[in-house]
C-alpha cells in the first residue's frame, strides 16, 4: 500500500477512534494533516479573539519545513497508535 493510500485510510480511521483524543493530540492530528496535504502554513495568523483558530495555525506553523511525505507518515503512525 502506498503512503498516499495509507494516509487516506488513516483519515477514515481517525473518524472511528475508540476514544476521542485530548485537545493537544487533536491539534497534532490537524497540523500533520494540513502539513501533509498542503505543505507549510500559509495565510495570516488568526487574531487573539480566535483562540481555536490561533492554536490550530500555531500547531501547523510549528511543522514548517517538514516534508509532506514525512508529515503523512507521522499522521499515519499517530492514527495507528490511537487505534491501538
PDB file of N, CA and C in Angstrom:
ATOM      1  N   UNK A   1       0.856  -1.187   0.000  1.00  0.00           N
ATOM      2  CA  UNK A   1       0.000   0.000   0.000  1.00  0.00           C
ATOM      3  C   UNK A   1       0.896   1.242   0.000  1.00  0.00           C
ATOM      4  N   UNK A   2       0.602   2.184  -0.872  1.00  0.00           N
ATOM      5  CA  UNK A   2       1.415   3.401  -0.963  1.00  0.00           C
ATOM      6  C   UNK A   2       1.181   4.291   0.262  1.00  0.00           C
ATOM      7  N   UNK A   3       2.095   5.223   0.453  1.00  0.00           N
ATOM      8  CA  UNK A   3       1.953   6.168   1.563  1.00  0.00           C
ATOM      9  C   UNK A   3       0.663   6.971   1.421  1.00  0.00           C
ATOM     10  N   UNK A   4       0.338   7.372   0.194  1.00  0.00           N
ATOM     11  CA  UNK A   4      -0.899   8.136  -0.043  1.00  0.00           C
ATOM     12  C   UNK A   4      -2.126   7.303   0.338  1.00  0.00           C
ATOM     13  N   UNK A   5      -2.115   6.015   0.002  1.00  0.00           N
ATOM     14  CA  UNK A   5      -3.237   5.135   0.367  1.00  0.00           C
ATOM     15  C   UNK A   5      -3.317   4.957   1.884  1.00  0.00           C
ATOM     16  N   UNK A   6      -2.166   4.821   2.530  1.00  0.00           N
ATOM     17  CA  UNK A   6      -2.146   4.701   3.994  1.00  0.00           C
ATOM     18  C   UNK A   6      -2.695   5.971   4.639  1.00  0.00           C
ATOM     19  N   UNK A   7      -2.321   7.125   4.068  1.00  0.00           N
ATOM     20  CA  UNK A   7      -2.771   8.422   4.568  1.00  0.00           C
ATOM     21  C   UNK A   7      -4.294   8.541   4.435  1.00  0.00           C
ATOM     22  N   UNK A   8      -4.820   8.150   3.284  1.00  0.00           N
ATOM     23  CA  UNK A   8      -6.257   8.188   3.047  1.00  0.00           C
ATOM     24  C   UNK A   8      -6.985   7.264   4.025  1.00  0.00           C
ATOM     25  N   UNK A   9      -6.432   6.073   4.254  1.00  0.00           N
ATOM     26  CA  UNK A   9      -7.028   5.129   5.198  1.00  0.00           C
ATOM     27  C   UNK A   9      -6.987   5.692   6.618  1.00  0.00           C
ATOM     28  N   UNK A  10      -5.870   6.324   6.981  1.00  0.00           N
ATOM     29  CA  UNK A  10      -5.734   6.900   8.322  1.00  0.00           C
ATOM     30  C   UNK A  10      -6.755   8.021   8.531  1.00  0.00           C
ATOM     31  N   UNK A  11      -7.042   8.789   7.477  1.00  0.00           N
ATOM     32  CA  UNK A  11      -8.066   9.843   7.586  1.00  0.00           C
ATOM     33  C   UNK A  11      -9.415   9.220   7.932  1.00  0.00           C
ATOM     34  N   UNK A  12      -9.757   8.138   7.258  1.00  0.00           N
ATOM     35  CA  UNK A  12     -11.023   7.441   7.544  1.00  0.00           C
ATOM     36  C   UNK A  12     -11.002   6.872   8.964  1.00  0.00           C
ATOM     37  N   UNK A  13      -9.885   6.257   9.327  1.00  0.00           N
ATOM     38  CA  UNK A  13      -9.758   5.659  10.664  1.00  0.00           C
ATOM     39  C   UNK A  13      -9.858   6.714  11.765  1.00  0.00           C
ATOM     40  N   UNK A  14      -9.397   7.925  11.479  1.00  0.00           N
ATOM     41  CA  UNK A  14      -9.387   8.977  12.505  1.00  0.00           C
ATOM     42  C   UNK A  14     -10.806   9.338  12.952  1.00  0.00           C
ATOM     43  N   UNK A  15     -11.781   9.051  12.108  1.00  0.00           N
ATOM     44  CA  UNK A  15     -13.174   9.365  12.448  1.00  0.00           C
ATOM     45  C   UNK A  15     -13.825   8.270  13.296  1.00  0.00           C
ATOM     46  N   UNK A  16     -13.121   7.142  13.451  1.00  0.00           N
ATOM     47  CA  UNK A  16     -13.681   5.999  14.184  1.00  0.00           C
ATOM     48  C   UNK A  16     -12.746   5.503  15.281  1.00  0.00           C
ATOM     49  N   UNK A  17     -12.058   6.427  15.938  1.00  0.00           N
ATOM     50  CA  UNK A  17     -11.147   6.027  17.015  1.00  0.00           C
ATOM     51  C   UNK A  17     -11.950   5.532  18.213  1.00  0.00           C
ATOM     52  N   UNK A  18     -11.378   4.594  18.992  1.00  0.00           N
ATOM     53  CA  UNK A  18     -12.104   4.059  20.145  1.00  0.00           C
ATOM     54  C   UNK A  18     -12.467   5.128  21.179  1.00  0.00           C
ATOM     55  N   UNK A  19     -11.623   6.156  21.330  1.00  0.00           N
ATOM     56  CA  UNK A  19     -11.970   7.259  22.221  1.00  0.00           C
ATOM     57  C   UNK A  19     -11.465   8.565  21.630  1.00  0.00           C
ATOM     58  N   UNK A  20     -12.109   9.660  22.001  1.00  0.00           N
ATOM     59  CA  UNK A  20     -11.735  10.977  21.465  1.00  0.00           C
ATOM     60  C   UNK A  20     -10.386  11.387  22.046  1.00  0.00           C
ATOM     61  N   UNK A  21      -9.432  11.748  21.184  1.00  0.00           N
ATOM     62  CA  UNK A  21      -8.124  12.194  21.685  1.00  0.00           C
ATOM     63  C   UNK A  21      -8.255  13.509  22.466  1.00  0.00           C
ATOM     64  N   UNK A  22      -7.262  13.778  23.315  1.00  0.00           N
ATOM     65  CA  UNK A  22      -7.259  15.051  24.038  1.00  0.00           C
ATOM     66  C   UNK A  22      -6.967  16.193  23.057  1.00  0.00           C
ATOM     67  N   UNK A  23      -7.159  17.410  23.520  1.00  0.00           N
ATOM     68  CA  UNK A  23      -7.031  18.571  22.633  1.00  0.00           C
ATOM     69  C   UNK A  23      -5.639  18.708  22.015  1.00  0.00           C
ATOM     70  N   UNK A  24      -4.595  18.414  22.774  1.00  0.00           N
ATOM     71  CA  UNK A  24      -3.238  18.531  22.226  1.00  0.00           C
ATOM     72  C   UNK A  24      -3.031  17.515  21.104  1.00  0.00           C
ATOM     73  N   UNK A  25      -3.562  16.323  21.274  1.00  0.00           N
ATOM     74  CA  UNK A  25      -3.447  15.291  20.235  1.00  0.00           C
ATOM     75  C   UNK A  25      -4.275  15.683  19.016  1.00  0.00           C
ATOM     76  N   UNK A  26      -5.463  16.233  19.253  1.00  0.00           N
ATOM     77  CA  UNK A  26      -6.292  16.698  18.132  1.00  0.00           C
ATOM     78  C   UNK A  26      -5.572  17.785  17.333  1.00  0.00           C
ATOM     79  N   UNK A  27      -4.883  18.689  18.029  1.00  0.00           N
ATOM     80  CA  UNK A  27      -4.116  19.726  17.339  1.00  0.00           C
ATOM     81  C   UNK A  27      -3.008  19.117  16.498  1.00  0.00           C
ATOM     82  N   UNK A  28      -2.351  18.094  17.052  1.00  0.00           N
ATOM     83  CA  UNK A  28      -1.270  17.428  16.318  1.00  0.00           C
ATOM     84  C   UNK A  28      -1.825  16.737  15.069  1.00  0.00           C
ATOM     85  N   UNK A  29      -2.960  16.065  15.208  1.00  0.00           N
ATOM     86  CA  UNK A  29      -3.604  15.414  14.062  1.00  0.00           C
ATOM     87  C   UNK A  29      -3.924  16.457  12.992  1.00  0.00           C
ATOM     88  N   UNK A  30      -4.520  17.561  13.418  1.00  0.00           N
ATOM     89  CA  UNK A  30      -4.884  18.637  12.488  1.00  0.00           C
ATOM     90  C   UNK A  30      -3.634  19.171  11.771  1.00  0.00           C
ATOM     91  N   UNK A  31      -2.595  19.483  12.546  1.00  0.00           N
ATOM     92  CA  UNK A  31      -1.390  20.079  11.980  1.00  0.00           C
ATOM     93  C   UNK A  31      -0.704  19.130  11.003  1.00  0.00           C
ATOM     94  N   UNK A  32      -0.612  17.854  11.369  1.00  0.00           N
ATOM     95  CA  UNK A  32       0.014  16.880  10.465  1.00  0.00           C
ATOM     96  C   UNK A  32      -0.802  16.730   9.186  1.00  0.00           C
ATOM     97  N   UNK A  33      -2.121  16.730   9.313  1.00  0.00           N
ATOM     98  CA  UNK A  33      -2.983  16.644   8.134  1.00  0.00           C
ATOM     99  C   UNK A  33      -2.746  17.840   7.208  1.00  0.00           C
ATOM    100  N   UNK A  34      -2.755  19.040   7.776  1.00  0.00           N
ATOM    101  CA  UNK A  34      -2.571  20.251   6.976  1.00  0.00           C
ATOM    102  C   UNK A  34      -1.195  20.270   6.314  1.00  0.00           C
ATOM    103  N   UNK A  35      -0.161  19.871   7.060  1.00  0.00           N
ATOM    104  CA  UNK A  35       1.194  19.864   6.502  1.00  0.00           C
ATOM    105  C   UNK A  35       1.292  18.824   5.386  1.00  0.00           C
ATOM    106  N   UNK A  36       0.693  17.660   5.611  1.00  0.00           N
ATOM    107  CA  UNK A  36       0.756  16.572   4.618  1.00  0.00           C
ATOM    108  C   UNK A  36      -0.008  16.929   3.357  1.00  0.00           C
ATOM    109  N   UNK A  37      -1.125  17.611   3.502  1.00  0.00           N
ATOM    110  CA  UNK A  37      -1.957  17.888   2.333  1.00  0.00           C
ATOM    111  C   UNK A  37      -1.659  19.235   1.684  1.00  0.00           C
ATOM    112  N   UNK A  38      -1.050  20.161   2.422  1.00  0.00           N
ATOM    113  CA  UNK A  38      -0.844  21.485   1.855  1.00  0.00           C
ATOM    114  C   UNK A  38       0.542  22.083   1.993  1.00  0.00           C
ATOM    115  N   UNK A  39       1.428  21.415   2.720  1.00  0.00           N
ATOM    116  CA  UNK A  39       2.760  21.989   2.920  1.00  0.00           C
ATOM    117  C   UNK A  39       2.758  22.999   4.062  1.00  0.00           C
ATOM    118  N   UNK A  40       3.773  23.860   4.067  1.00  0.00           N
ATOM    119  CA  UNK A  40       3.943  24.831   5.150  1.00  0.00           C
ATOM    120  C   UNK A  40       2.729  25.748   5.301  1.00  0.00           C
ATOM    121  N   UNK A  41       2.518  26.200   6.533  1.00  0.00           N
ATOM    122  CA  UNK A  41       1.399  27.076   6.866  1.00  0.00           C
ATOM    123  C   UNK A  41       1.414  28.327   5.997  1.00  0.00           C
ATOM    124  N   UNK A  42       0.232  28.724   5.568  1.00  0.00           N
ATOM    125  CA  UNK A  42       0.083  29.924   4.750  1.00  0.00           C
ATOM    126  C   UNK A  42      -1.019  30.786   5.330  1.00  0.00           C
ATOM    127  N   UNK A  43      -1.074  32.018   4.902  1.00  0.00           N
ATOM    128  CA  UNK A  43      -2.135  32.915   5.342  1.00  0.00           C
ATOM    129  C   UNK A  43      -1.771  33.631   6.623  1.00  0.00           C
ATOM    130  N   UNK A  44      -2.693  34.428   7.071  1.00  0.00           N
ATOM    131  CA  UNK A  44      -2.500  35.232   8.274  1.00  0.00           C
ATOM    132  C   UNK A  44      -2.768  34.404   9.519  1.00  0.00           C
ATOM    133  N   UNK A  45      -2.000  34.663  10.567  1.00  0.00           N
ATOM    134  CA  UNK A  45      -2.272  34.042  11.861  1.00  0.00           C
ATOM    135  C   UNK A  45      -3.533  34.684  12.419  1.00  0.00           C
ATOM    136  N   UNK A  46      -4.526  33.866  12.832  1.00  0.00           N
ATOM    137  CA  UNK A  46      -5.765  34.444  13.368  1.00  0.00           C
ATOM    138  C   UNK A  46      -5.494  35.359  14.564  1.00  0.00           C
ATOM    139  N   UNK A  47      -6.359  36.330  14.764  1.00  0.00           N
ATOM    140  CA  UNK A  47      -6.218  37.268  15.872  1.00  0.00           C
ATOM    141  C   UNK A  47      -6.475  36.620  17.228  1.00  0.00           C
ATOM    142  N   UNK A  48      -6.154  37.355  18.290  1.00  0.00           N
ATOM    143  CA  UNK A  48      -6.252  36.800  19.641  1.00  0.00           C
ATOM    144  C   UNK A  48      -7.671  36.455  20.063  1.00  0.00           C
ATOM    145  N   UNK A  49      -8.682  36.973  19.356  1.00  0.00           N
ATOM    146  CA  UNK A  49     -10.064  36.638  19.704  1.00  0.00           C
ATOM    147  C   UNK A  49     -10.474  35.261  19.189  1.00  0.00           C
ATOM    148  N   UNK A  50      -9.698  34.723  18.237  1.00  0.00           N
ATOM    149  CA  UNK A  50      -9.980  33.388  17.686  1.00  0.00           C
ATOM    150  C   UNK A  50      -8.975  32.401  18.268  1.00  0.00           C
ATOM    151  N   UNK A  51      -9.230  32.000  19.511  1.00  0.00           N
ATOM    152  CA  UNK A  51      -8.267  31.142  20.230  1.00  0.00           C
ATOM    153  C   UNK A  51      -8.075  29.791  19.544  1.00  0.00           C
ATOM    154  N   UNK A  52      -9.151  29.176  19.086  1.00  0.00           N
ATOM    155  CA  UNK A  52      -9.060  27.864  18.447  1.00  0.00           C
ATOM    156  C   UNK A  52      -8.302  27.974  17.125  1.00  0.00           C
ATOM    157  N   UNK A  53      -8.681  28.944  16.315  1.00  0.00           N
ATOM    158  CA  UNK A  53      -8.013  29.151  15.040  1.00  0.00           C
ATOM    159  C   UNK A  53      -6.534  29.439  15.212  1.00  0.00           C
ATOM    160  N   UNK A  54      -6.221  30.215  16.230  1.00  0.00           N
ATOM    161  CA  UNK A  54      -4.834  30.574  16.512  1.00  0.00           C
ATOM    162  C   UNK A  54      -4.035  29.333  16.930  1.00  0.00           C
ATOM    163  N   UNK A  55      -4.616  28.507  17.785  1.00  0.00           N
ATOM    164  CA  UNK A  55      -3.938  27.286  18.241  1.00  0.00           C
ATOM    165  C   UNK A  55      -3.695  26.343  17.066  1.00  0.00           C
ATOM    166  N   UNK A  56      -4.694  26.212  16.198  1.00  0.00           N
ATOM    167  CA  UNK A  56      -4.551  25.356  15.019  1.00  0.00           C
ATOM    168  C   UNK A  56      -3.450  25.872  14.101  1.00  0.00           C
ATOM    169  N   UNK A  57      -3.459  27.190  13.853  1.00  0.00           N
ATOM    170  CA  UNK A  57      -2.448  27.779  12.976  1.00  0.00           C
ATOM    171  C   UNK A  57      -1.053  27.579  13.570  1.00  0.00           C
ATOM    172  N   UNK A  58      -0.908  27.826  14.872  1.00  0.00           N
ATOM    173  CA  UNK A  58       0.403  27.689  15.522  1.00  0.00           C
ATOM    174  C   UNK A  58       0.903  26.250  15.473  1.00  0.00           C
ATOM    175  N   UNK A  59       0.000  25.287  15.650  1.00  0.00           N
ATOM    176  CA  UNK A  59       0.393  23.872  15.589  1.00  0.00           C
ATOM    177  C   UNK A  59       0.874  23.526  14.180  1.00  0.00           C
ATOM    178  N   UNK A  60       0.165  24.017  13.176  1.00  0.00           N
ATOM    179  CA  UNK A  60       0.550  23.774  11.782  1.00  0.00           C
ATOM    180  C   UNK A  60       1.868  24.473  11.475  1.00  0.00           C
ATOM    181  N   UNK A  61       1.991  25.726  11.895  1.00  0.00           N
ATOM    182  CA  UNK A  61       3.189  26.517  11.622  1.00  0.00           C
ATOM    183  C   UNK A  61       4.427  25.902  12.275  1.00  0.00           C
ATOM    184  N   UNK A  62       4.240  25.200  13.394  1.00  0.00           N
ATOM    185  CA  UNK A  62       5.366  24.566  14.088  1.00  0.00           C
ATOM    186  C   UNK A  62       5.990  23.452  13.252  1.00  0.00           C
ATOM    187  N   UNK A  63       5.268  22.959  12.260  1.00  0.00           N
ATOM    188  CA  UNK A  63       5.772  21.882  11.396  1.00  0.00           C
ATOM    189  C   UNK A  63       6.486  22.419  10.154  1.00  0.00           C
ATOM    190  N   UNK A  64       6.640  23.732  10.056  1.00  0.00           N
ATOM    191  CA  UNK A  64       7.267  24.356   8.891  1.00  0.00           C
ATOM    192  C   UNK A  64       8.579  23.645   8.554  1.00  0.00           C
ATOM    193  N   UNK A  65       8.741  23.308   7.271  1.00  0.00           N
ATOM    194  CA  UNK A  65       9.958  22.636   6.826  1.00  0.00           C
ATOM    195  C   UNK A  65       9.846  21.122   6.805  1.00  0.00           C
ATOM    196  N   UNK A  66       8.802  20.577   7.425  1.00  0.00           N
ATOM    197  CA  UNK A  66       8.572  19.134   7.392  1.00  0.00           C
ATOM    198  C   UNK A  66       8.031  18.784   6.004  1.00  0.00           C
ATOM    199  N   UNK A  67       8.629  17.770   5.366  1.00  0.00           N
ATOM    200  CA  UNK A  67       8.150  17.398   4.031  1.00  0.00           C
ATOM    201  C   UNK A  67       6.736  16.840   4.128  1.00  0.00           C
ATOM    202  N   UNK A  68       6.014  16.927   3.017  1.00  0.00           N
ATOM    203  CA  UNK A  68       4.642  16.410   3.008  1.00  0.00           C
ATOM    204  C   UNK A  68       4.644  14.900   3.238  1.00  0.00           C
ATOM    205  N   UNK A  69       5.609  14.182   2.666  1.00  0.00           N
ATOM    206  CA  UNK A  69       5.682  12.732   2.887  1.00  0.00           C
ATOM    207  C   UNK A  69       5.963  12.407   4.352  1.00  0.00           C
ATOM    208  N   UNK A  70       6.855  13.152   4.976  1.00  0.00           N
ATOM    209  CA  UNK A  70       7.167  12.925   6.393  1.00  0.00           C
ATOM    210  C   UNK A  70       5.944  13.205   7.256  1.00  0.00           C
ATOM    211  N   UNK A  71       5.228  14.278   6.953  1.00  0.00           N
ATOM    212  CA  UNK A  71       4.011  14.606   7.711  1.00  0.00           C
ATOM    213  C   UNK A  71       2.961  13.511   7.524  1.00  0.00           C
ATOM    214  N   UNK A  72       2.847  12.996   6.290  1.00  0.00           N
ATOM    215  CA  UNK A  72       1.900  11.897   6.027  1.00  0.00           C
ATOM    216  C   UNK A  72       2.244  10.685   6.879  1.00  0.00           C
ATOM    217  N   UNK A  73       3.539  10.342   6.916  1.00  0.00           N
ATOM    218  CA  UNK A  73       3.971   9.171   7.681  1.00  0.00           C
ATOM    219  C   UNK A  73       3.694   9.370   9.169  1.00  0.00           C
ATOM    220  N   UNK A  74       3.983  10.560   9.680  1.00  0.00           N
ATOM    221  CA  UNK A  74       3.723  10.842  11.100  1.00  0.00           C
ATOM    222  C   UNK A  74       2.229  10.778  11.401  1.00  0.00           C
ATOM    223  N   UNK A  75       1.412  11.260  10.480  1.00  0.00           N
ATOM    224  CA  UNK A  75      -0.045  11.218  10.637  1.00  0.00           C
ATOM    225  C   UNK A  75      -0.519   9.765  10.712  1.00  0.00           C
ATOM    226  N   UNK A  76      -0.050   8.947   9.752  1.00  0.00           N
ATOM    227  CA  UNK A  76      -0.422   7.526   9.715  1.00  0.00           C
ATOM    228  C   UNK A  76      -0.001   6.849  11.024  1.00  0.00           C
ATOM    229  N   UNK A  77       1.236   7.104  11.467  1.00  0.00           N
ATOM    230  CA  UNK A  77       1.750   6.485  12.700  1.00  0.00           C
ATOM    231  C   UNK A  77       0.929   6.897  13.914  1.00  0.00           C
ATOM    232  N   UNK A  78       0.572   8.185  13.985  1.00  0.00           N
ATOM    233  CA  UNK A  78      -0.200   8.683  15.128  1.00  0.00           C
ATOM    234  C   UNK A  78      -1.590   8.052  15.162  1.00  0.00           C
ATOM    235  N   UNK A  79      -2.260   7.965  14.025  1.00  0.00           N
ATOM    236  CA  UNK A  79      -3.597   7.368  13.992  1.00  0.00           C
ATOM    237  C   UNK A  79      -3.515   5.883  14.350  1.00  0.00           C
ATOM    238  N   UNK A  80      -2.498   5.189  13.847  1.00  0.00           N
ATOM    239  CA  UNK A  80      -2.321   3.766  14.201  1.00  0.00           C
ATOM    240  C   UNK A  80      -2.138   3.609  15.713  1.00  0.00           C
ATOM    241  N   UNK A  81      -1.365   4.496  16.309  1.00  0.00           N
ATOM    242  CA  UNK A  81      -1.118   4.460  17.747  1.00  0.00           C
ATOM    243  C   UNK A  81      -2.421   4.686  18.516  1.00  0.00           C
ATOM    244  N   UNK A  82      -3.251   5.629  18.040  1.00  0.00           N
ATOM    245  CA  UNK A  82      -4.506   5.948  18.724  1.00  0.00           C
ATOM    246  C   UNK A  82      -5.546   4.822  18.548  1.00  0.00           C
ATOM    247  N   UNK A  83      -5.428   4.057  17.468  1.00  0.00           N
ATOM    248  CA  UNK A  83      -6.371   2.936  17.256  1.00  0.00           C
ATOM    249  C   UNK A  83      -6.094   1.790  18.210  1.00  0.00           C
ATOM    250  N   UNK A  84      -4.852   1.666  18.637  1.00  0.00           N
ATOM    251  CA  UNK A  84      -4.452   0.515  19.476  1.00  0.00           C
ATOM    252  C   UNK A  84      -5.064   0.583  20.875  1.00  0.00           C
TER     253      UNK A  84
END
